[in-house]
Amino acid sequence: KRVAFSSTNFENILTWETEADLPPGTVFDVQYKQYGEKSWLNKQECQSITQPFCNLTRETENFTEPYYARVRA
């Protein structure tokens, strides 16, 4: 819940909150897309991760374009 981009010094980090009673072994998958695109793209380095953040700087380099991202547990 509360998925959001945090941008500092041209680094774009996607963060999210987890539930307190998250079952052990829960992993997250991150996807992103540029505004107007139909297909979601997997962030390969952020598949089956356990930490509640993902660096999407490379994927969101063009700061003049809007981007979307989503997380699945």
Protein backbone atom coordinates (compact mmCIF):
# COMPACT_ATOMS: atom_id res chain seq x y z
CA LYS A 1 0.00 0.00 0.00
CA ARG A 2 1.01 3.64 -0.44
CA VAL A 3 3.25 3.01 -3.43
CA ALA A 4 5.17 6.17 -4.33
CA PHE A 5 8.19 7.46 -6.20
CA SER A 6 10.84 9.25 -4.20
CA SER A 7 13.17 11.34 -6.35
CA THR A 8 16.41 12.78 -4.97
CA ASN A 9 19.47 13.86 -6.96
CA PHE A 10 17.98 12.34 -10.14
CA GLU A 11 17.51 8.94 -8.51
CA ASN A 12 13.98 7.55 -8.68
CA ILE A 13 13.23 5.01 -5.98
CA LEU A 14 9.86 3.29 -5.76
CA THR A 15 8.81 2.61 -2.16
CA TRP A 16 5.80 0.98 -0.55
CA GLU A 17 4.47 0.09 2.86
CA THR A 18 3.85 -3.46 4.00
CA GLU A 19 1.36 -4.84 6.46
CA ALA A 20 2.61 -5.58 9.97
CA ASP A 21 1.35 -9.17 9.74
CA LEU A 22 3.07 -9.93 6.42
CA PRO A 23 3.57 -13.71 6.16
CA PRO A 24 7.20 -14.90 6.25
CA GLY A 25 8.64 -15.46 2.79
CA THR A 26 6.49 -12.80 1.11
CA VAL A 27 8.18 -11.43 -2.01
CA PHE A 28 7.40 -8.48 -4.27
CA ASP A 29 7.40 -7.98 -8.04
CA VAL A 30 7.73 -4.48 -9.54
CA GLN A 31 6.43 -3.36 -12.92
CA TYR A 32 6.56 0.03 -14.61
CA LYS A 33 5.42 1.81 -17.77
CA GLN A 34 5.54 5.22 -19.37
CA TYR A 35 2.30 7.19 -19.61
CA GLY A 36 0.46 6.22 -22.79
CA GLU A 37 2.00 2.75 -23.09
CA LYS A 38 -0.33 -0.23 -22.86
CA SER A 39 2.08 -2.89 -21.62
CA TRP A 40 3.63 -3.11 -18.17
CA LEU A 41 7.33 -4.00 -18.07
CA ASN A 42 9.00 -6.09 -15.37
CA LYS A 43 11.93 -4.52 -13.55
CA GLN A 44 14.17 -7.59 -13.71
CA GLU A 45 16.26 -6.68 -10.65
CA CYS A 46 13.06 -6.22 -8.62
CA GLN A 47 11.34 -9.57 -9.12
CA SER A 48 10.85 -11.80 -6.07
CA ILE A 49 12.49 -9.25 -3.76
CA THR A 50 11.89 -8.94 -0.01
CA GLN A 51 12.77 -5.26 0.57
CA PRO A 52 10.02 -2.59 0.20
CA PHE A 53 11.83 -0.49 -2.42
CA CYS A 54 13.15 -0.65 -5.97
CA ASN A 55 15.49 1.64 -7.90
CA LEU A 56 13.81 2.65 -11.18
CA THR A 57 16.26 5.42 -12.10
CA ARG A 58 17.40 3.85 -15.38
CA GLU A 59 13.83 3.09 -16.44
CA THR A 60 12.59 6.62 -15.66
CA GLU A 61 15.51 8.68 -16.98
CA ASN A 62 13.41 11.07 -19.05
CA PHE A 63 12.22 13.43 -16.30
CA THR A 64 9.88 15.22 -18.72
CA GLU A 65 7.74 12.07 -19.13
CA PRO A 66 5.27 10.69 -16.57
CA TYR A 67 5.69 7.10 -15.41
CA TYR A 68 3.57 4.58 -13.54
CA ALA A 69 4.76 1.73 -11.35
CA ARG A 70 3.02 -1.03 -9.44
CA VAL A 71 3.94 -3.71 -6.94
CA ARG A 72 2.49 -7.16 -6.45
CA ALA A 73 3.04 -9.22 -3.30
